[in-house]
Structure formats: structure tokens, C-alpha cells
Amino acid sequence: MTNITLKQNMPSRFGLTHIWGRLVNAVTRPRLHERNVMLQGRPVTVQWTDKADRMLRARDSELIVEMELYFSCMVKKYVHFHEELPENPVVRVSERLSVFYQPVTSKSCKIEEAIERQPTIDLAPDILNGYVPKYLYIDYRDGQWYGEFAM
């Protein structure tokens, strides 16, 4: 017969272990600003760091963030930052930040040129119904904008 012993001294979410973890996270992780927007009829969470927020507020114009899903020999995700409004409709996240999503495919897939970018064709949103990003993260590091998104 197996004896099972319950430990009464397990750290709780209010115990020292939890407080230490929260302190480490507060120091090592940047504070995030967050907004939820609708993109092609689906919710997208946009988060940006304090540093990115300061840089956005210091701008004279709006920053346009493009999330590009690139179908070629392999599927790749890119985040591009634009100074001017594109032809595509954008969704305003804040006074100085707007986003849009652009699924594209290459005109051809040449394995020997797979590393380089091929000419692209825009894909209609209904072709990729359901392939809309769920999350966008924006930061400003080493003097340049940085972003990543998840599907």
C-alpha cells in the first residue's frame, strides 16, 4: 500500500516564491501597453513597450505597422514599419499607431533564390479566411522599430 503525504508548506500564490517571481518579472520584463482591435473581422491584441510608447508620442506623424504573411517556398512572417499611409486600409490602434495585415504569395518559388525575396502578389482576404494574426508586439530597440506577430 502506498502512503501519500500532503505537504502543508507548499508555496501559495501569496507566498514568498510568488512575490519573488513577480519582482523578477517586474524588473526584467518591460511594461506593456495593450489595445484590442478588430482586423478583418477578428480580434487582434496589440502590445507595445514603454520605450515604444515614448517614441510614438515623440513622433510628428503616425507610425504604420504592416504584418505580412509571405507564402513562398516557405511561409515567413515579416513586420514592416511605414511612415506614410499605404493603399491598404489601416486600423487605428492609438493616435500615433495604426496597423494592417497583408498576406502575399511569391510569383514563383525558385529554390536557389529562396533566401532572397521574390516579386509578390496580394492574396484576397477570403482566400486565407481564418489566417489573421491574433497578437502583435512592438518595441523600439537600438534606434529602430522591432515587431513580431503570432497567428
N, C-alpha and C. Protein backbone atom coordinates (compact mmCIF):
# COMPACT_ATOMS: atom_id res chain seq x y z
N MET A 1 0.83 -1.17 0.00
CA MET A 1 0.00 0.00 0.00
C MET A 1 0.88 1.24 0.00
N THR A 2 0.52 2.25 -0.80
CA THR A 2 1.31 3.46 -0.94
C THR A 2 0.78 4.53 -0.01
N ASN A 3 1.69 5.16 0.71
CA ASN A 3 1.33 6.28 1.58
C ASN A 3 1.48 7.58 0.81
N ILE A 4 0.50 8.42 0.89
CA ILE A 4 0.56 9.73 0.24
C ILE A 4 0.59 10.78 1.33
N THR A 5 1.60 11.63 1.27
CA THR A 5 1.74 12.69 2.25
C THR A 5 1.48 14.03 1.58
N LEU A 6 0.58 14.79 2.13
CA LEU A 6 0.32 16.13 1.62
C LEU A 6 1.19 17.12 2.37
N LYS A 7 1.89 17.96 1.63
CA LYS A 7 2.75 18.96 2.26
C LYS A 7 1.92 20.20 2.57
N GLN A 8 1.98 20.60 3.80
CA GLN A 8 1.23 21.78 4.23
C GLN A 8 2.00 23.06 3.93
N ASN A 9 3.30 22.96 3.67
CA ASN A 9 4.13 24.15 3.50
C ASN A 9 4.38 24.48 2.02
N MET A 10 3.52 24.07 1.13
CA MET A 10 3.69 24.37 -0.29
C MET A 10 3.54 25.88 -0.48
N PRO A 11 4.40 26.50 -1.30
CA PRO A 11 4.26 27.94 -1.52
C PRO A 11 2.97 28.24 -2.26
N SER A 12 2.23 29.19 -1.75
CA SER A 12 0.98 29.57 -2.40
C SER A 12 1.24 30.75 -3.32
N ARG A 13 0.21 31.17 -4.02
CA ARG A 13 0.39 32.32 -4.90
C ARG A 13 0.63 33.59 -4.10
N PHE A 14 0.40 33.55 -2.80
CA PHE A 14 0.66 34.70 -1.97
C PHE A 14 1.94 34.52 -1.15
N GLY A 15 2.63 33.42 -1.36
CA GLY A 15 3.83 33.13 -0.59
C GLY A 15 5.06 33.85 -1.15
N LEU A 16 6.19 33.59 -0.52
CA LEU A 16 7.45 34.23 -0.88
C LEU A 16 7.86 33.91 -2.31
N THR A 17 7.66 32.66 -2.74
CA THR A 17 8.04 32.28 -4.10
C THR A 17 7.29 33.11 -5.12
N HIS A 18 6.02 33.31 -4.92
CA HIS A 18 5.20 34.09 -5.86
C HIS A 18 5.66 35.56 -5.87
N ILE A 19 5.93 36.12 -4.72
CA ILE A 19 6.35 37.52 -4.64
C ILE A 19 7.70 37.69 -5.33
N TRP A 20 8.62 36.77 -5.12
CA TRP A 20 9.94 36.84 -5.76
C TRP A 20 9.80 36.77 -7.29
N GLY A 21 8.96 35.87 -7.77
CA GLY A 21 8.74 35.75 -9.21
C GLY A 21 8.16 37.02 -9.80
N ARG A 22 7.22 37.64 -9.11
CA ARG A 22 6.63 38.89 -9.60
C ARG A 22 7.66 40.01 -9.61
N LEU A 23 8.54 40.04 -8.61
CA LEU A 23 9.58 41.06 -8.55
C LEU A 23 10.56 40.90 -9.71
N VAL A 24 10.98 39.66 -9.97
CA VAL A 24 11.90 39.40 -11.09
C VAL A 24 11.24 39.80 -12.41
N ASN A 25 9.99 39.44 -12.61
CA ASN A 25 9.28 39.81 -13.83
C ASN A 25 9.17 41.33 -13.98
N ALA A 26 8.91 42.02 -12.89
CA ALA A 26 8.77 43.48 -12.95
C ALA A 26 10.07 44.15 -13.36
N VAL A 27 11.20 43.59 -12.95
CA VAL A 27 12.49 44.18 -13.27
C VAL A 27 12.96 43.78 -14.67
N THR A 28 12.75 42.53 -15.05
CA THR A 28 13.31 42.04 -16.31
C THR A 28 12.40 42.22 -17.51
N ARG A 29 11.11 42.31 -17.32
CA ARG A 29 10.19 42.45 -18.45
C ARG A 29 9.70 43.89 -18.54
N PRO A 30 9.68 44.43 -19.76
CA PRO A 30 9.20 45.80 -19.90
C PRO A 30 7.70 45.89 -19.67
N ARG A 31 7.26 47.05 -19.20
CA ARG A 31 5.82 47.29 -19.03
C ARG A 31 5.20 47.41 -20.41
N LEU A 32 4.05 46.78 -20.59
CA LEU A 32 3.41 46.77 -21.89
C LEU A 32 2.12 47.57 -21.89
N HIS A 33 1.90 48.27 -22.99
CA HIS A 33 0.63 48.93 -23.26
C HIS A 33 -0.14 47.98 -24.17
N GLU A 34 -1.44 47.93 -24.03
CA GLU A 34 -2.21 46.94 -24.79
C GLU A 34 -3.53 47.53 -25.27
N ARG A 35 -3.87 47.20 -26.50
CA ARG A 35 -5.18 47.54 -27.08
C ARG A 35 -5.65 46.35 -27.90
N ASN A 36 -6.94 46.15 -27.92
CA ASN A 36 -7.54 45.12 -28.77
C ASN A 36 -8.26 45.82 -29.90
N VAL A 37 -8.00 45.36 -31.13
CA VAL A 37 -8.63 45.93 -32.31
C VAL A 37 -9.22 44.80 -33.14
N MET A 38 -10.10 45.17 -34.06
CA MET A 38 -10.67 44.19 -34.99
C MET A 38 -9.97 44.35 -36.34
N LEU A 39 -9.45 43.25 -36.86
CA LEU A 39 -8.75 43.24 -38.13
C LEU A 39 -9.37 42.16 -38.99
N GLN A 40 -9.97 42.54 -40.09
CA GLN A 40 -10.66 41.61 -40.99
C GLN A 40 -11.69 40.77 -40.22
N GLY A 41 -12.40 41.43 -39.31
CA GLY A 41 -13.47 40.78 -38.57
C GLY A 41 -13.02 39.89 -37.42
N ARG A 42 -11.75 39.95 -37.09
CA ARG A 42 -11.22 39.11 -35.99
C ARG A 42 -10.47 39.97 -34.98
N PRO A 43 -10.50 39.57 -33.70
CA PRO A 43 -9.80 40.36 -32.68
C PRO A 43 -8.28 40.15 -32.74
N VAL A 44 -7.56 41.25 -32.59
CA VAL A 44 -6.09 41.22 -32.56
C VAL A 44 -5.65 42.02 -31.34
N THR A 45 -4.77 41.44 -30.53
CA THR A 45 -4.20 42.12 -29.38
C THR A 45 -2.90 42.78 -29.80
N VAL A 46 -2.80 44.08 -29.63
CA VAL A 46 -1.59 44.83 -29.97
C VAL A 46 -0.95 45.28 -28.66
N GLN A 47 0.32 44.92 -28.48
CA GLN A 47 1.06 45.32 -27.29
C GLN A 47 2.31 46.07 -27.71
N TRP A 48 2.67 47.09 -26.93
CA TRP A 48 3.91 47.81 -27.19
C TRP A 48 4.52 48.22 -25.86
N THR A 49 5.85 48.32 -25.87
CA THR A 49 6.60 48.60 -24.65
C THR A 49 6.53 50.08 -24.29
N ASP A 50 6.97 50.40 -23.07
CA ASP A 50 7.06 51.79 -22.64
C ASP A 50 7.98 52.59 -23.56
N LYS A 51 9.10 52.00 -23.93
CA LYS A 51 10.05 52.68 -24.83
C LYS A 51 9.37 53.00 -26.17
N ALA A 52 8.65 52.03 -26.72
CA ALA A 52 7.93 52.25 -27.97
C ALA A 52 6.87 53.34 -27.79
N ASP A 53 6.20 53.35 -26.65
CA ASP A 53 5.18 54.36 -26.38
C ASP A 53 5.79 55.75 -26.34
N ARG A 54 6.95 55.89 -25.68
CA ARG A 54 7.64 57.19 -25.63
C ARG A 54 8.03 57.65 -27.04
N MET A 55 8.53 56.72 -27.86
CA MET A 55 8.94 57.06 -29.22
C MET A 55 7.73 57.42 -30.09
N LEU A 56 6.62 56.73 -29.88
CA LEU A 56 5.40 57.06 -30.63
C LEU A 56 4.90 58.46 -30.27
N ARG A 57 4.90 58.78 -28.98
CA ARG A 57 4.42 60.10 -28.55
C ARG A 57 5.34 61.23 -29.02
N ALA A 58 6.62 60.92 -29.24
CA ALA A 58 7.58 61.93 -29.69
C ALA A 58 7.48 62.19 -31.21
N ARG A 59 6.76 61.33 -31.92
CA ARG A 59 6.65 61.47 -33.38
C ARG A 59 5.70 62.60 -33.76
N ASP A 60 5.96 63.17 -34.94
CA ASP A 60 5.06 64.17 -35.50
C ASP A 60 3.96 63.51 -36.32
N SER A 61 4.23 62.30 -36.79
CA SER A 61 3.26 61.62 -37.65
C SER A 61 2.98 60.21 -37.13
N GLU A 62 1.99 59.61 -37.72
CA GLU A 62 1.55 58.28 -37.33
C GLU A 62 2.54 57.22 -37.84
N LEU A 63 2.76 56.17 -37.06
CA LEU A 63 3.56 55.03 -37.49
C LEU A 63 2.60 53.95 -37.98
N ILE A 64 2.84 53.45 -39.17
CA ILE A 64 2.00 52.41 -39.76
C ILE A 64 2.77 51.09 -39.67
N VAL A 65 2.17 50.08 -39.05
CA VAL A 65 2.81 48.78 -38.89
C VAL A 65 2.10 47.77 -39.78
N GLU A 66 2.88 47.14 -40.64
CA GLU A 66 2.35 46.12 -41.56
C GLU A 66 2.77 44.74 -41.07
N MET A 67 1.79 43.87 -40.89
CA MET A 67 2.06 42.47 -40.61
C MET A 67 1.91 41.72 -41.93
N GLU A 68 2.99 41.16 -42.41
CA GLU A 68 2.97 40.49 -43.71
C GLU A 68 3.17 38.99 -43.53
N LEU A 69 2.24 38.22 -44.06
CA LEU A 69 2.38 36.76 -44.10
C LEU A 69 2.77 36.42 -45.53
N TYR A 70 3.98 35.92 -45.70
CA TYR A 70 4.60 35.75 -47.02
C TYR A 70 4.68 34.26 -47.37
N PHE A 71 3.87 33.86 -48.34
CA PHE A 71 3.88 32.48 -48.82
C PHE A 71 4.82 32.39 -50.01
N SER A 72 5.86 31.60 -49.88
CA SER A 72 6.81 31.37 -50.97
C SER A 72 7.19 29.90 -50.89
N CYS A 73 8.47 29.61 -51.06
CA CYS A 73 8.92 28.23 -50.86
C CYS A 73 8.66 27.82 -49.42
N MET A 74 8.73 28.80 -48.53
CA MET A 74 8.40 28.60 -47.11
C MET A 74 7.48 29.74 -46.69
N VAL A 75 6.76 29.55 -45.63
CA VAL A 75 5.92 30.62 -45.10
C VAL A 75 6.77 31.44 -44.14
N LYS A 76 6.75 32.76 -44.32
CA LYS A 76 7.53 33.65 -43.46
C LYS A 76 6.62 34.76 -42.95
N LYS A 77 6.97 35.28 -41.78
CA LYS A 77 6.24 36.41 -41.21
C LYS A 77 7.19 37.60 -41.12
N TYR A 78 6.73 38.74 -41.59
CA TYR A 78 7.51 39.97 -41.52
C TYR A 78 6.67 41.06 -40.87
N VAL A 79 7.35 41.96 -40.18
CA VAL A 79 6.71 43.17 -39.68
C VAL A 79 7.48 44.34 -40.29
N HIS A 80 6.76 45.19 -41.04
CA HIS A 80 7.35 46.36 -41.68
C HIS A 80 6.78 47.61 -41.03
N PHE A 81 7.61 48.64 -40.95
CA PHE A 81 7.19 49.91 -40.37
C PHE A 81 7.23 50.97 -41.46
N HIS A 82 6.10 51.67 -41.64
CA HIS A 82 5.96 52.66 -42.71
C HIS A 82 5.71 54.04 -42.11
N GLU A 83 6.21 55.04 -42.82
CA GLU A 83 6.00 56.43 -42.42
C GLU A 83 4.74 57.01 -43.05
N GLU A 84 4.37 56.49 -44.22
CA GLU A 84 3.22 57.03 -44.95
C GLU A 84 2.11 56.00 -45.04
N LEU A 85 0.89 56.48 -45.16
CA LEU A 85 -0.26 55.59 -45.28
C LEU A 85 -0.18 54.78 -46.57
N PRO A 86 -0.36 53.48 -46.48
CA PRO A 86 -0.36 52.64 -47.68
C PRO A 86 -1.72 52.69 -48.37
N GLU A 87 -1.82 52.00 -49.49
CA GLU A 87 -3.10 51.91 -50.19
C GLU A 87 -4.07 51.02 -49.41
N ASN A 88 -3.55 50.11 -48.63
CA ASN A 88 -4.38 49.19 -47.86
C ASN A 88 -5.10 49.94 -46.74
N PRO A 89 -6.30 49.47 -46.38
CA PRO A 89 -6.98 50.09 -45.23
C PRO A 89 -6.24 49.74 -43.93
N VAL A 90 -6.12 50.72 -43.06
CA VAL A 90 -5.43 50.50 -41.79
C VAL A 90 -6.44 50.58 -40.65
N VAL A 91 -6.05 50.00 -39.52
CA VAL A 91 -6.86 50.05 -38.30
C VAL A 91 -6.09 50.88 -37.29
N ARG A 92 -6.73 51.89 -36.76
CA ARG A 92 -6.07 52.76 -35.79
C ARG A 92 -6.05 52.08 -34.42
N VAL A 93 -4.85 52.01 -33.85
CA VAL A 93 -4.67 51.44 -32.51
C VAL A 93 -4.63 52.56 -31.48
N SER A 94 -3.91 53.62 -31.80
CA SER A 94 -3.83 54.80 -30.95
C SER A 94 -3.65 56.02 -31.85
N GLU A 95 -3.48 57.17 -31.24
CA GLU A 95 -3.34 58.40 -32.02
C GLU A 95 -2.15 58.35 -32.97
N ARG A 96 -1.09 57.68 -32.59
CA ARG A 96 0.14 57.64 -33.38
C ARG A 96 0.47 56.25 -33.93
N LEU A 97 -0.45 55.31 -33.83
CA LEU A 97 -0.15 53.93 -34.25
C LEU A 97 -1.34 53.32 -34.98
N SER A 98 -1.07 52.82 -36.19
CA SER A 98 -2.08 52.09 -36.97
C SER A 98 -1.44 50.82 -37.51
N VAL A 99 -2.29 49.82 -37.77
CA VAL A 99 -1.78 48.53 -38.25
C VAL A 99 -2.60 48.05 -39.44
N PHE A 100 -1.97 47.18 -40.24
CA PHE A 100 -2.72 46.46 -41.26
C PHE A 100 -2.04 45.12 -41.51
N TYR A 101 -2.79 44.22 -42.12
CA TYR A 101 -2.34 42.85 -42.37
C TYR A 101 -2.33 42.61 -43.86
N GLN A 102 -1.24 42.03 -44.36
CA GLN A 102 -1.08 41.83 -45.79
C GLN A 102 -0.58 40.41 -46.08
N PRO A 103 -1.47 39.49 -46.45
CA PRO A 103 -0.99 38.17 -46.90
C PRO A 103 -0.60 38.25 -48.38
N VAL A 104 0.59 37.78 -48.71
CA VAL A 104 1.07 37.79 -50.09
C VAL A 104 1.67 36.43 -50.43
N THR A 105 1.80 36.18 -51.73
CA THR A 105 2.49 34.99 -52.20
C THR A 105 3.48 35.42 -53.26
N SER A 106 4.55 34.65 -53.41
CA SER A 106 5.52 34.98 -54.44
C SER A 106 5.01 34.51 -55.80
N LYS A 107 5.47 35.16 -56.86
CA LYS A 107 5.05 34.78 -58.21
C LYS A 107 5.64 33.43 -58.60
N SER A 108 6.78 33.08 -58.02
CA SER A 108 7.40 31.79 -58.30
C SER A 108 8.18 31.34 -57.08
N CYS A 109 8.58 30.10 -57.10
CA CYS A 109 9.38 29.55 -56.00
C CYS A 109 10.61 28.90 -56.60
N LYS A 110 11.70 29.62 -56.58
CA LYS A 110 12.96 29.09 -57.08
C LYS A 110 13.83 28.76 -55.87
N ILE A 111 14.11 27.49 -55.70
CA ILE A 111 14.85 27.05 -54.52
C ILE A 111 16.20 27.76 -54.41
N GLU A 112 16.88 27.95 -55.53
CA GLU A 112 18.20 28.60 -55.48
C GLU A 112 18.11 30.07 -55.05
N GLU A 113 16.92 30.65 -55.15
CA GLU A 113 16.73 32.04 -54.74
C GLU A 113 15.80 32.15 -53.53
N ALA A 114 15.61 31.06 -52.82
CA ALA A 114 14.64 31.03 -51.72
C ALA A 114 14.97 32.03 -50.61
N ILE A 115 16.25 32.31 -50.42
CA ILE A 115 16.64 33.23 -49.36
C ILE A 115 16.25 34.66 -49.72
N GLU A 116 16.38 34.99 -51.00
CA GLU A 116 16.01 36.34 -51.45
C GLU A 116 14.51 36.45 -51.65
N ARG A 117 14.04 37.64 -51.60
CA ARG A 117 12.61 37.89 -51.75
C ARG A 117 12.22 37.91 -53.22
N GLN A 118 11.16 37.20 -53.55
CA GLN A 118 10.63 37.14 -54.91
C GLN A 118 9.56 38.22 -55.08
N PRO A 119 9.24 38.60 -56.33
CA PRO A 119 8.10 39.50 -56.54
C PRO A 119 6.83 38.86 -55.98
N THR A 120 5.94 39.68 -55.45
CA THR A 120 4.76 39.14 -54.76
C THR A 120 3.45 39.51 -55.45
N ILE A 121 2.42 38.76 -55.08
CA ILE A 121 1.05 39.00 -55.50
C ILE A 121 0.22 39.07 -54.21
N ASP A 122 -0.63 40.08 -54.08
CA ASP A 122 -1.51 40.16 -52.91
C ASP A 122 -2.53 39.04 -52.95
N LEU A 123 -2.82 38.47 -51.79
CA LEU A 123 -3.85 37.45 -51.68
C LEU A 123 -5.13 38.08 -51.15
N ALA A 124 -6.25 37.70 -51.71
CA ALA A 124 -7.54 38.20 -51.24
C ALA A 124 -7.82 37.66 -49.84
N PRO A 125 -8.40 38.48 -48.96
CA PRO A 125 -8.67 38.03 -47.58
C PRO A 125 -9.52 36.78 -47.51
N ASP A 126 -10.46 36.60 -48.45
CA ASP A 126 -11.33 35.42 -48.38
C ASP A 126 -10.58 34.13 -48.69
N ILE A 127 -9.44 34.20 -49.39
CA ILE A 127 -8.64 33.01 -49.68
C ILE A 127 -8.05 32.46 -48.38
N LEU A 128 -7.63 33.36 -47.52
CA LEU A 128 -6.99 32.96 -46.26
C LEU A 128 -7.91 33.22 -45.07
N ASN A 129 -9.18 32.95 -45.24
CA ASN A 129 -10.13 33.18 -44.16
C ASN A 129 -9.69 32.41 -42.91
N GLY A 130 -9.48 33.11 -41.84
CA GLY A 130 -9.03 32.48 -40.60
C GLY A 130 -7.54 32.69 -40.35
N TYR A 131 -6.78 33.04 -41.37
CA TYR A 131 -5.35 33.30 -41.19
C TYR A 131 -5.13 34.78 -40.92
N VAL A 132 -5.58 35.22 -39.78
CA VAL A 132 -5.42 36.61 -39.35
C VAL A 132 -4.61 36.58 -38.06
N PRO A 133 -3.64 37.47 -37.92
CA PRO A 133 -2.86 37.49 -36.67
C PRO A 133 -3.75 37.66 -35.45
N LYS A 134 -3.31 37.07 -34.35
CA LYS A 134 -4.03 37.20 -33.09
C LYS A 134 -3.31 38.16 -32.14
N TYR A 135 -2.02 38.40 -32.41
CA TYR A 135 -1.20 39.13 -31.46
C TYR A 135 -0.10 39.87 -32.22
N LEU A 136 0.14 41.12 -31.86
CA LEU A 136 1.24 41.92 -32.41
C LEU A 136 1.99 42.56 -31.26
N TYR A 137 3.31 42.44 -31.27
CA TYR A 137 4.19 43.00 -30.24
C TYR A 137 5.12 44.01 -30.92
N ILE A 138 5.22 45.21 -30.35
CA ILE A 138 6.05 46.27 -30.92
C ILE A 138 6.99 46.81 -29.84
N ASP A 139 8.25 47.02 -30.24
CA ASP A 139 9.26 47.57 -29.34
C ASP A 139 10.13 48.53 -30.13
N TYR A 140 10.89 49.33 -29.42
CA TYR A 140 11.88 50.21 -30.03
C TYR A 140 13.21 49.90 -29.37
N ARG A 141 14.15 49.33 -30.15
CA ARG A 141 15.43 48.89 -29.60
C ARG A 141 16.58 49.39 -30.47
N ASP A 142 17.63 49.80 -29.83
CA ASP A 142 18.85 50.19 -30.54
C ASP A 142 18.58 51.14 -31.70
N GLY A 143 17.67 52.07 -31.50
CA GLY A 143 17.40 53.08 -32.50
C GLY A 143 16.52 52.65 -33.66
N GLN A 144 15.86 51.49 -33.55
CA GLN A 144 14.97 51.08 -34.63
C GLN A 144 13.75 50.34 -34.09
N TRP A 145 12.71 50.33 -34.89
CA TRP A 145 11.47 49.65 -34.52
C TRP A 145 11.65 48.15 -34.70
N TYR A 146 11.02 47.40 -33.80
CA TYR A 146 11.06 45.94 -33.83
C TYR A 146 9.64 45.44 -33.61
N GLY A 147 9.26 44.41 -34.35
CA GLY A 147 7.93 43.84 -34.17
C GLY A 147 7.88 42.37 -34.50
N GLU A 148 6.93 41.70 -33.91
CA GLU A 148 6.66 40.30 -34.24
C GLU A 148 5.17 40.05 -34.03
N PHE A 149 4.66 39.07 -34.77
CA PHE A 149 3.25 38.74 -34.61
C PHE A 149 3.07 37.24 -34.61
N ALA A 150 1.94 36.82 -34.04
CA ALA A 150 1.61 35.40 -33.94
C ALA A 150 0.23 35.17 -34.53
N MET A 151 0.07 34.02 -35.12
CA MET A 151 -1.21 33.66 -35.75
C MET A 151 -2.07 32.92 -34.75
